[in-house]
Amino acid sequence: HVGVYIYVDAVINHMCGAGGGAGTHSSCGSYFNANNKDFPTVPYSNLDFNDGKCNTGSGNIENYQDVNQVRNCRLVGLLDLALEKDYVRGKTADYMNKLIDMGVAGFRVDACKHMWPGDLSAVYGRLHNLNTKWFPSGARPFIFQE
């Protein structure tokens, strides 16, 4: 232990762009199909995205002064996860907990203004304490919200 802590840049608001195609070209070898919102490695399906909640014709954020668009529509065309769903919250927390169990000290969570505060709190509430191999018992992960 040399006093160096690892903080993960966690992107939990969205997956890839809606026009990202299909294949393994941008996912370290895991198959995905952005066209039909199929991410079998997670797994996520079309049921796990906010498309039905967005009130714009394009599905993208068109007015950054409208909090509902900012939090329910696609940020620059990226497939927006439905973090209010318990399943999505669970998969997100599982991902973050795997990293905590490996020994990370915390997270810089990307695009927080695009997620509802209550949804973020629900995910954070599921996180494990930090790994006692490197941190004191009961220590919690540091969260920086971008």
N, C-alpha and C. Protein backbone atom coordinates (compact mmCIF):
# COMPACT_ATOMS: atom_id res chain seq x y z
N HIS A 1 0.85 -1.18 0.00
CA HIS A 1 0.00 0.00 0.00
C HIS A 1 0.89 1.23 0.00
N VAL A 2 0.77 2.05 -1.04
CA VAL A 2 1.62 3.24 -1.17
C VAL A 2 0.82 4.54 -1.16
N GLY A 3 -0.44 4.49 -0.75
CA GLY A 3 -1.23 5.70 -0.63
C GLY A 3 -1.83 6.22 -1.92
N VAL A 4 -1.88 5.40 -2.94
CA VAL A 4 -2.49 5.80 -4.21
C VAL A 4 -3.89 5.19 -4.27
N TYR A 5 -4.88 6.03 -4.51
CA TYR A 5 -6.26 5.56 -4.58
C TYR A 5 -6.76 5.67 -6.02
N ILE A 6 -7.60 4.72 -6.39
CA ILE A 6 -8.17 4.68 -7.73
C ILE A 6 -9.63 5.15 -7.67
N TYR A 7 -9.96 6.09 -8.54
CA TYR A 7 -11.33 6.59 -8.68
C TYR A 7 -11.77 6.32 -10.12
N VAL A 8 -12.85 5.59 -10.27
CA VAL A 8 -13.34 5.18 -11.58
C VAL A 8 -14.22 6.28 -12.18
N ASP A 9 -14.03 6.55 -13.45
CA ASP A 9 -14.90 7.46 -14.20
C ASP A 9 -16.09 6.61 -14.67
N ALA A 10 -17.19 6.66 -13.94
CA ALA A 10 -18.35 5.79 -14.20
C ALA A 10 -19.39 6.52 -15.04
N VAL A 11 -19.73 5.92 -16.16
CA VAL A 11 -20.78 6.45 -17.04
C VAL A 11 -22.00 5.56 -16.86
N ILE A 12 -22.96 6.04 -16.06
CA ILE A 12 -24.13 5.23 -15.73
C ILE A 12 -25.42 5.85 -16.27
N ASN A 13 -25.34 6.98 -16.94
CA ASN A 13 -26.52 7.64 -17.49
C ASN A 13 -26.98 7.02 -18.81
N HIS A 14 -26.06 6.51 -19.58
CA HIS A 14 -26.38 6.09 -20.93
C HIS A 14 -25.44 4.98 -21.41
N MET A 15 -25.82 4.41 -22.54
CA MET A 15 -24.97 3.46 -23.24
C MET A 15 -24.39 4.21 -24.45
N CYS A 16 -24.22 3.54 -25.57
CA CYS A 16 -23.63 4.17 -26.75
C CYS A 16 -24.65 5.02 -27.50
N GLY A 17 -24.22 5.60 -28.59
CA GLY A 17 -25.13 6.39 -29.42
C GLY A 17 -26.19 5.52 -30.07
N ALA A 18 -27.37 6.12 -30.28
CA ALA A 18 -28.48 5.38 -30.87
C ALA A 18 -28.13 4.84 -32.25
N GLY A 19 -27.23 5.51 -32.96
CA GLY A 19 -26.82 5.06 -34.28
C GLY A 19 -25.54 4.25 -34.25
N GLY A 20 -25.23 3.64 -33.12
CA GLY A 20 -23.97 2.94 -32.93
C GLY A 20 -23.84 1.62 -33.66
N GLY A 21 -24.90 1.19 -34.34
CA GLY A 21 -24.83 -0.05 -35.09
C GLY A 21 -24.86 -1.27 -34.21
N ALA A 22 -24.25 -2.33 -34.70
CA ALA A 22 -24.21 -3.60 -33.98
C ALA A 22 -22.85 -4.24 -34.17
N GLY A 23 -22.49 -5.09 -33.24
CA GLY A 23 -21.22 -5.81 -33.34
C GLY A 23 -20.45 -5.76 -32.06
N THR A 24 -19.14 -5.83 -32.18
CA THR A 24 -18.25 -5.83 -31.01
C THR A 24 -17.18 -4.74 -31.15
N HIS A 25 -17.37 -3.83 -32.08
CA HIS A 25 -16.34 -2.86 -32.44
C HIS A 25 -16.03 -1.81 -31.39
N SER A 26 -16.89 -1.59 -30.42
CA SER A 26 -16.60 -0.54 -29.43
C SER A 26 -16.88 -0.99 -28.01
N SER A 27 -16.90 -2.29 -27.79
CA SER A 27 -17.29 -2.79 -26.47
C SER A 27 -16.35 -3.86 -25.93
N CYS A 28 -15.10 -3.79 -26.31
CA CYS A 28 -14.09 -4.74 -25.83
C CYS A 28 -14.48 -6.19 -26.10
N GLY A 29 -15.16 -6.43 -27.20
CA GLY A 29 -15.49 -7.78 -27.60
C GLY A 29 -16.88 -8.26 -27.22
N SER A 30 -17.63 -7.49 -26.46
CA SER A 30 -19.00 -7.88 -26.10
C SER A 30 -19.96 -7.42 -27.19
N TYR A 31 -20.81 -8.33 -27.64
CA TYR A 31 -21.78 -7.99 -28.68
C TYR A 31 -22.82 -7.01 -28.16
N PHE A 32 -23.23 -6.07 -29.01
CA PHE A 32 -24.34 -5.17 -28.71
C PHE A 32 -25.01 -4.79 -30.03
N ASN A 33 -26.26 -4.34 -29.92
CA ASN A 33 -26.97 -3.82 -31.08
C ASN A 33 -27.71 -2.57 -30.64
N ALA A 34 -27.14 -1.41 -30.95
CA ALA A 34 -27.74 -0.14 -30.54
C ALA A 34 -29.05 0.12 -31.26
N ASN A 35 -29.20 -0.43 -32.46
CA ASN A 35 -30.41 -0.18 -33.24
C ASN A 35 -31.66 -0.69 -32.54
N ASN A 36 -31.57 -1.84 -31.87
CA ASN A 36 -32.73 -2.37 -31.15
C ASN A 36 -32.52 -2.39 -29.64
N LYS A 37 -31.49 -1.67 -29.18
CA LYS A 37 -31.19 -1.52 -27.75
C LYS A 37 -30.96 -2.87 -27.07
N ASP A 38 -30.17 -3.70 -27.69
CA ASP A 38 -29.85 -5.03 -27.18
C ASP A 38 -28.40 -5.06 -26.71
N PHE A 39 -28.22 -5.19 -25.41
CA PHE A 39 -26.89 -5.27 -24.79
C PHE A 39 -26.87 -6.54 -23.94
N PRO A 40 -26.71 -7.72 -24.56
CA PRO A 40 -26.88 -8.98 -23.85
C PRO A 40 -25.86 -9.26 -22.76
N THR A 41 -24.71 -8.64 -22.79
CA THR A 41 -23.71 -8.89 -21.74
C THR A 41 -24.15 -8.31 -20.41
N VAL A 42 -24.91 -7.21 -20.41
CA VAL A 42 -25.32 -6.59 -19.14
C VAL A 42 -26.31 -7.48 -18.38
N PRO A 43 -27.44 -7.92 -18.84
CA PRO A 43 -28.11 -7.56 -20.08
C PRO A 43 -29.08 -6.39 -19.92
N TYR A 44 -29.13 -5.55 -20.98
CA TYR A 44 -30.14 -4.51 -21.11
C TYR A 44 -30.89 -4.76 -22.41
N SER A 45 -32.18 -4.40 -22.41
CA SER A 45 -33.00 -4.50 -23.61
C SER A 45 -33.71 -3.16 -23.83
N ASN A 46 -34.56 -3.11 -24.83
CA ASN A 46 -35.29 -1.87 -25.11
C ASN A 46 -36.16 -1.43 -23.94
N LEU A 47 -36.46 -2.31 -23.00
CA LEU A 47 -37.27 -1.96 -21.83
C LEU A 47 -36.51 -1.13 -20.80
N ASP A 48 -35.21 -1.03 -20.94
CA ASP A 48 -34.35 -0.41 -19.93
C ASP A 48 -33.91 1.01 -20.29
N PHE A 49 -34.58 1.62 -21.25
CA PHE A 49 -34.20 2.95 -21.71
C PHE A 49 -35.38 3.92 -21.60
N ASN A 50 -35.09 5.21 -21.61
CA ASN A 50 -36.08 6.26 -21.36
C ASN A 50 -36.86 6.73 -22.58
N ASP A 51 -36.76 6.08 -23.70
CA ASP A 51 -37.39 6.61 -24.91
C ASP A 51 -38.86 6.97 -24.73
N GLY A 52 -39.62 6.19 -24.01
CA GLY A 52 -41.04 6.46 -23.82
C GLY A 52 -41.32 7.65 -22.93
N LYS A 53 -40.34 8.12 -22.17
CA LYS A 53 -40.53 9.25 -21.26
C LYS A 53 -40.13 10.59 -21.86
N CYS A 54 -39.41 10.56 -22.95
CA CYS A 54 -38.94 11.81 -23.57
C CYS A 54 -40.07 12.44 -24.37
N ASN A 55 -40.26 13.74 -24.19
CA ASN A 55 -41.37 14.43 -24.85
C ASN A 55 -40.94 15.25 -26.06
N THR A 56 -39.79 14.91 -26.65
CA THR A 56 -39.37 15.63 -27.86
C THR A 56 -39.55 14.72 -29.07
N GLY A 57 -39.71 15.32 -30.22
CA GLY A 57 -39.87 14.55 -31.44
C GLY A 57 -38.64 13.76 -31.83
N SER A 58 -37.48 14.29 -31.50
CA SER A 58 -36.22 13.64 -31.88
C SER A 58 -35.76 12.58 -30.88
N GLY A 59 -36.28 12.64 -29.66
CA GLY A 59 -35.80 11.76 -28.60
C GLY A 59 -34.58 12.31 -27.89
N ASN A 60 -34.04 13.41 -28.42
CA ASN A 60 -32.86 14.06 -27.83
C ASN A 60 -33.28 15.26 -27.00
N ILE A 61 -32.38 15.73 -26.15
CA ILE A 61 -32.60 16.97 -25.42
C ILE A 61 -32.60 18.10 -26.45
N GLU A 62 -33.67 18.86 -26.49
CA GLU A 62 -33.77 20.00 -27.39
C GLU A 62 -33.78 21.33 -26.64
N ASN A 63 -34.10 21.29 -25.35
CA ASN A 63 -34.17 22.50 -24.53
C ASN A 63 -33.52 22.20 -23.18
N TYR A 64 -32.31 22.71 -22.99
CA TYR A 64 -31.58 22.45 -21.74
C TYR A 64 -32.15 23.20 -20.55
N GLN A 65 -33.15 24.05 -20.76
CA GLN A 65 -33.83 24.72 -19.65
C GLN A 65 -35.00 23.88 -19.12
N ASP A 66 -35.34 22.81 -19.81
CA ASP A 66 -36.44 21.92 -19.43
C ASP A 66 -35.86 20.71 -18.69
N VAL A 67 -36.03 20.68 -17.37
CA VAL A 67 -35.42 19.63 -16.56
C VAL A 67 -35.89 18.24 -16.97
N ASN A 68 -37.13 18.11 -17.41
CA ASN A 68 -37.63 16.80 -17.83
C ASN A 68 -36.91 16.31 -19.09
N GLN A 69 -36.63 17.21 -20.03
CA GLN A 69 -35.86 16.82 -21.20
C GLN A 69 -34.43 16.46 -20.81
N VAL A 70 -33.84 17.27 -19.96
CA VAL A 70 -32.44 17.04 -19.56
C VAL A 70 -32.29 15.68 -18.89
N ARG A 71 -33.30 15.23 -18.16
CA ARG A 71 -33.18 13.99 -17.40
C ARG A 71 -33.90 12.79 -18.02
N ASN A 72 -34.73 13.01 -19.02
CA ASN A 72 -35.48 11.90 -19.61
C ASN A 72 -35.20 11.67 -21.09
N CYS A 73 -34.43 12.54 -21.71
CA CYS A 73 -34.16 12.43 -23.14
C CYS A 73 -32.68 12.10 -23.37
N ARG A 74 -32.36 11.80 -24.60
CA ARG A 74 -30.99 11.41 -24.96
C ARG A 74 -30.06 12.62 -24.98
N LEU A 75 -28.95 12.48 -24.31
CA LEU A 75 -27.87 13.46 -24.35
C LEU A 75 -27.09 13.21 -25.64
N VAL A 76 -27.09 14.16 -26.55
CA VAL A 76 -26.41 14.07 -27.86
C VAL A 76 -26.58 12.70 -28.53
N GLY A 77 -27.79 12.17 -28.49
CA GLY A 77 -28.09 10.92 -29.18
C GLY A 77 -27.69 9.65 -28.47
N LEU A 78 -27.21 9.74 -27.23
CA LEU A 78 -26.80 8.55 -26.48
C LEU A 78 -28.01 7.87 -25.87
N LEU A 79 -28.06 6.55 -25.92
CA LEU A 79 -29.19 5.79 -25.39
C LEU A 79 -29.28 5.96 -23.88
N ASP A 80 -30.33 6.64 -23.43
CA ASP A 80 -30.51 7.07 -22.04
C ASP A 80 -31.12 5.95 -21.19
N LEU A 81 -30.38 5.49 -20.20
CA LEU A 81 -30.87 4.42 -19.33
C LEU A 81 -31.98 4.91 -18.41
N ALA A 82 -32.95 4.05 -18.13
CA ALA A 82 -34.08 4.35 -17.25
C ALA A 82 -33.69 4.00 -15.81
N LEU A 83 -32.95 4.90 -15.19
CA LEU A 83 -32.40 4.64 -13.85
C LEU A 83 -33.47 4.58 -12.77
N GLU A 84 -34.70 4.96 -13.08
CA GLU A 84 -35.76 4.83 -12.09
C GLU A 84 -36.24 3.39 -11.94
N LYS A 85 -35.86 2.53 -12.89
CA LYS A 85 -36.27 1.13 -12.83
C LYS A 85 -35.35 0.36 -11.89
N ASP A 86 -35.94 -0.44 -11.04
CA ASP A 86 -35.18 -1.19 -10.05
C ASP A 86 -34.14 -2.10 -10.71
N TYR A 87 -34.49 -2.70 -11.83
CA TYR A 87 -33.56 -3.57 -12.53
C TYR A 87 -32.32 -2.81 -12.98
N VAL A 88 -32.51 -1.63 -13.58
CA VAL A 88 -31.38 -0.82 -14.06
C VAL A 88 -30.54 -0.35 -12.87
N ARG A 89 -31.21 0.06 -11.80
CA ARG A 89 -30.47 0.45 -10.59
C ARG A 89 -29.62 -0.70 -10.08
N GLY A 90 -30.19 -1.89 -10.07
CA GLY A 90 -29.46 -3.06 -9.59
C GLY A 90 -28.26 -3.39 -10.45
N LYS A 91 -28.42 -3.36 -11.77
CA LYS A 91 -27.29 -3.65 -12.67
C LYS A 91 -26.20 -2.60 -12.52
N THR A 92 -26.61 -1.34 -12.34
CA THR A 92 -25.64 -0.26 -12.16
C THR A 92 -24.88 -0.44 -10.85
N ALA A 93 -25.60 -0.72 -9.77
CA ALA A 93 -24.95 -0.93 -8.47
C ALA A 93 -24.06 -2.17 -8.51
N ASP A 94 -24.49 -3.22 -9.19
CA ASP A 94 -23.66 -4.43 -9.32
C ASP A 94 -22.32 -4.10 -9.96
N TYR A 95 -22.36 -3.31 -11.03
CA TYR A 95 -21.14 -2.89 -11.73
C TYR A 95 -20.22 -2.11 -10.79
N MET A 96 -20.80 -1.14 -10.09
CA MET A 96 -19.99 -0.31 -9.19
C MET A 96 -19.46 -1.14 -8.02
N ASN A 97 -20.26 -2.07 -7.51
CA ASN A 97 -19.82 -2.92 -6.40
C ASN A 97 -18.69 -3.85 -6.80
N LYS A 98 -18.69 -4.34 -8.03
CA LYS A 98 -17.57 -5.17 -8.49
C LYS A 98 -16.27 -4.37 -8.42
N LEU A 99 -16.35 -3.11 -8.81
CA LEU A 99 -15.17 -2.25 -8.76
C LEU A 99 -14.75 -1.94 -7.33
N ILE A 100 -15.73 -1.70 -6.45
CA ILE A 100 -15.43 -1.47 -5.03
C ILE A 100 -14.76 -2.70 -4.44
N ASP A 101 -15.29 -3.87 -4.74
CA ASP A 101 -14.72 -5.11 -4.21
C ASP A 101 -13.29 -5.34 -4.71
N MET A 102 -12.96 -4.82 -5.89
CA MET A 102 -11.60 -4.90 -6.41
C MET A 102 -10.65 -3.95 -5.69
N GLY A 103 -11.21 -2.92 -5.04
CA GLY A 103 -10.36 -2.02 -4.28
C GLY A 103 -10.40 -0.56 -4.67
N VAL A 104 -11.31 -0.16 -5.56
CA VAL A 104 -11.36 1.27 -5.88
C VAL A 104 -11.84 2.06 -4.67
N ALA A 105 -11.46 3.34 -4.63
CA ALA A 105 -11.81 4.21 -3.51
C ALA A 105 -13.09 4.99 -3.76
N GLY A 106 -13.51 5.07 -5.01
CA GLY A 106 -14.71 5.83 -5.31
C GLY A 106 -14.89 6.05 -6.79
N PHE A 107 -15.75 7.02 -7.10
CA PHE A 107 -16.19 7.23 -8.48
C PHE A 107 -16.33 8.71 -8.81
N ARG A 108 -16.02 9.05 -10.04
CA ARG A 108 -16.45 10.29 -10.66
C ARG A 108 -17.60 9.87 -11.55
N VAL A 109 -18.81 10.24 -11.18
CA VAL A 109 -19.99 9.81 -11.93
C VAL A 109 -20.30 10.85 -13.00
N ASP A 110 -20.23 10.42 -14.24
CA ASP A 110 -20.42 11.29 -15.39
C ASP A 110 -21.89 11.67 -15.57
N ALA A 111 -22.13 12.88 -16.03
CA ALA A 111 -23.45 13.35 -16.49
C ALA A 111 -24.53 13.31 -15.41
N CYS A 112 -24.18 13.61 -14.17
CA CYS A 112 -25.17 13.53 -13.08
C CYS A 112 -26.35 14.47 -13.26
N LYS A 113 -26.14 15.61 -13.89
CA LYS A 113 -27.27 16.53 -14.08
C LYS A 113 -28.31 15.94 -15.02
N HIS A 114 -27.97 14.87 -15.71
CA HIS A 114 -28.89 14.21 -16.63
C HIS A 114 -29.65 13.05 -15.96
N MET A 115 -29.48 12.89 -14.65
CA MET A 115 -30.18 11.84 -13.91
C MET A 115 -30.92 12.47 -12.74
N TRP A 116 -32.04 11.90 -12.36
CA TRP A 116 -32.81 12.41 -11.23
C TRP A 116 -32.05 12.14 -9.94
N PRO A 117 -31.96 13.11 -9.03
CA PRO A 117 -31.23 12.92 -7.77
C PRO A 117 -31.70 11.71 -6.97
N GLY A 118 -32.99 11.46 -6.94
CA GLY A 118 -33.51 10.30 -6.21
C GLY A 118 -33.03 8.98 -6.80
N ASP A 119 -32.88 8.93 -8.12
CA ASP A 119 -32.37 7.72 -8.76
C ASP A 119 -30.90 7.49 -8.41
N LEU A 120 -30.12 8.57 -8.41
CA LEU A 120 -28.71 8.45 -8.01
C LEU A 120 -28.60 7.98 -6.57
N SER A 121 -29.40 8.56 -5.68
CA SER A 121 -29.38 8.16 -4.27
C SER A 121 -29.73 6.69 -4.11
N ALA A 122 -30.69 6.22 -4.90
CA ALA A 122 -31.09 4.81 -4.83
C ALA A 122 -29.94 3.89 -5.23
N VAL A 123 -29.17 4.28 -6.24
CA VAL A 123 -28.01 3.48 -6.65
C VAL A 123 -26.93 3.55 -5.58
N TYR A 124 -26.60 4.76 -5.13
CA TYR A 124 -25.54 4.92 -4.13
C TYR A 124 -25.87 4.16 -2.84
N GLY A 125 -27.14 4.09 -2.49
CA GLY A 125 -27.55 3.37 -1.29
C GLY A 125 -27.31 1.88 -1.35
N ARG A 126 -27.10 1.34 -2.53
CA ARG A 126 -26.84 -0.09 -2.72
C ARG A 126 -25.35 -0.42 -2.74
N LEU A 127 -24.52 0.59 -2.67
CA LEU A 127 -23.07 0.35 -2.79
C LEU A 127 -22.49 -0.24 -1.52
N HIS A 128 -21.55 -1.15 -1.71
CA HIS A 128 -20.83 -1.77 -0.60
C HIS A 128 -19.93 -0.76 0.09
N ASN A 129 -19.54 -1.09 1.31
CA ASN A 129 -18.43 -0.38 1.95
C ASN A 129 -17.16 -0.71 1.18
N LEU A 130 -16.15 0.11 1.34
CA LEU A 130 -14.88 -0.13 0.66
C LEU A 130 -14.22 -1.40 1.16
N ASN A 131 -13.38 -1.98 0.33
CA ASN A 131 -12.67 -3.22 0.62
C ASN A 131 -11.73 -3.02 1.82
N THR A 132 -11.90 -3.84 2.84
CA THR A 132 -11.11 -3.69 4.08
C THR A 132 -9.66 -4.12 3.92
N LYS A 133 -9.30 -4.68 2.77
CA LYS A 133 -7.89 -4.97 2.53
C LYS A 133 -7.09 -3.66 2.43
N TRP A 134 -7.76 -2.59 1.98
CA TRP A 134 -7.07 -1.32 1.77
C TRP A 134 -7.65 -0.15 2.56
N PHE A 135 -8.86 -0.32 3.09
CA PHE A 135 -9.56 0.79 3.75
C PHE A 135 -10.08 0.35 5.12
N PRO A 136 -10.29 1.29 6.03
CA PRO A 136 -10.83 0.95 7.34
C PRO A 136 -12.24 0.36 7.23
N SER A 137 -12.59 -0.47 8.16
CA SER A 137 -13.92 -1.08 8.20
C SER A 137 -14.99 0.02 8.22
N GLY A 138 -16.01 -0.15 7.40
CA GLY A 138 -17.10 0.81 7.35
C GLY A 138 -16.88 2.01 6.45
N ALA A 139 -15.70 2.10 5.81
CA ALA A 139 -15.42 3.24 4.92
C ALA A 139 -16.32 3.16 3.69
N ARG A 140 -16.83 4.30 3.28
CA ARG A 140 -17.74 4.39 2.14
C ARG A 140 -17.00 4.93 0.90
N PRO A 141 -17.46 4.56 -0.28
CA PRO A 141 -16.83 5.08 -1.49
C PRO A 141 -17.04 6.59 -1.63
N PHE A 142 -16.01 7.27 -2.10
CA PHE A 142 -16.10 8.70 -2.40
C PHE A 142 -16.84 8.84 -3.73
N ILE A 143 -17.80 9.75 -3.77
CA ILE A 143 -18.56 9.99 -5.00
C ILE A 143 -18.39 11.45 -5.40
N PHE A 144 -17.85 11.68 -6.59
CA PHE A 144 -17.78 13.02 -7.17
C PHE A 144 -18.74 13.03 -8.34
N GLN A 145 -19.70 13.95 -8.33
CA GLN A 145 -20.70 14.02 -9.38
C GLN A 145 -20.35 15.12 -10.38
N GLU A 146 -20.16 14.73 -11.63
CA GLU A 146 -19.89 15.70 -12.69
C GLU A 146 -21.21 16.21 -13.22
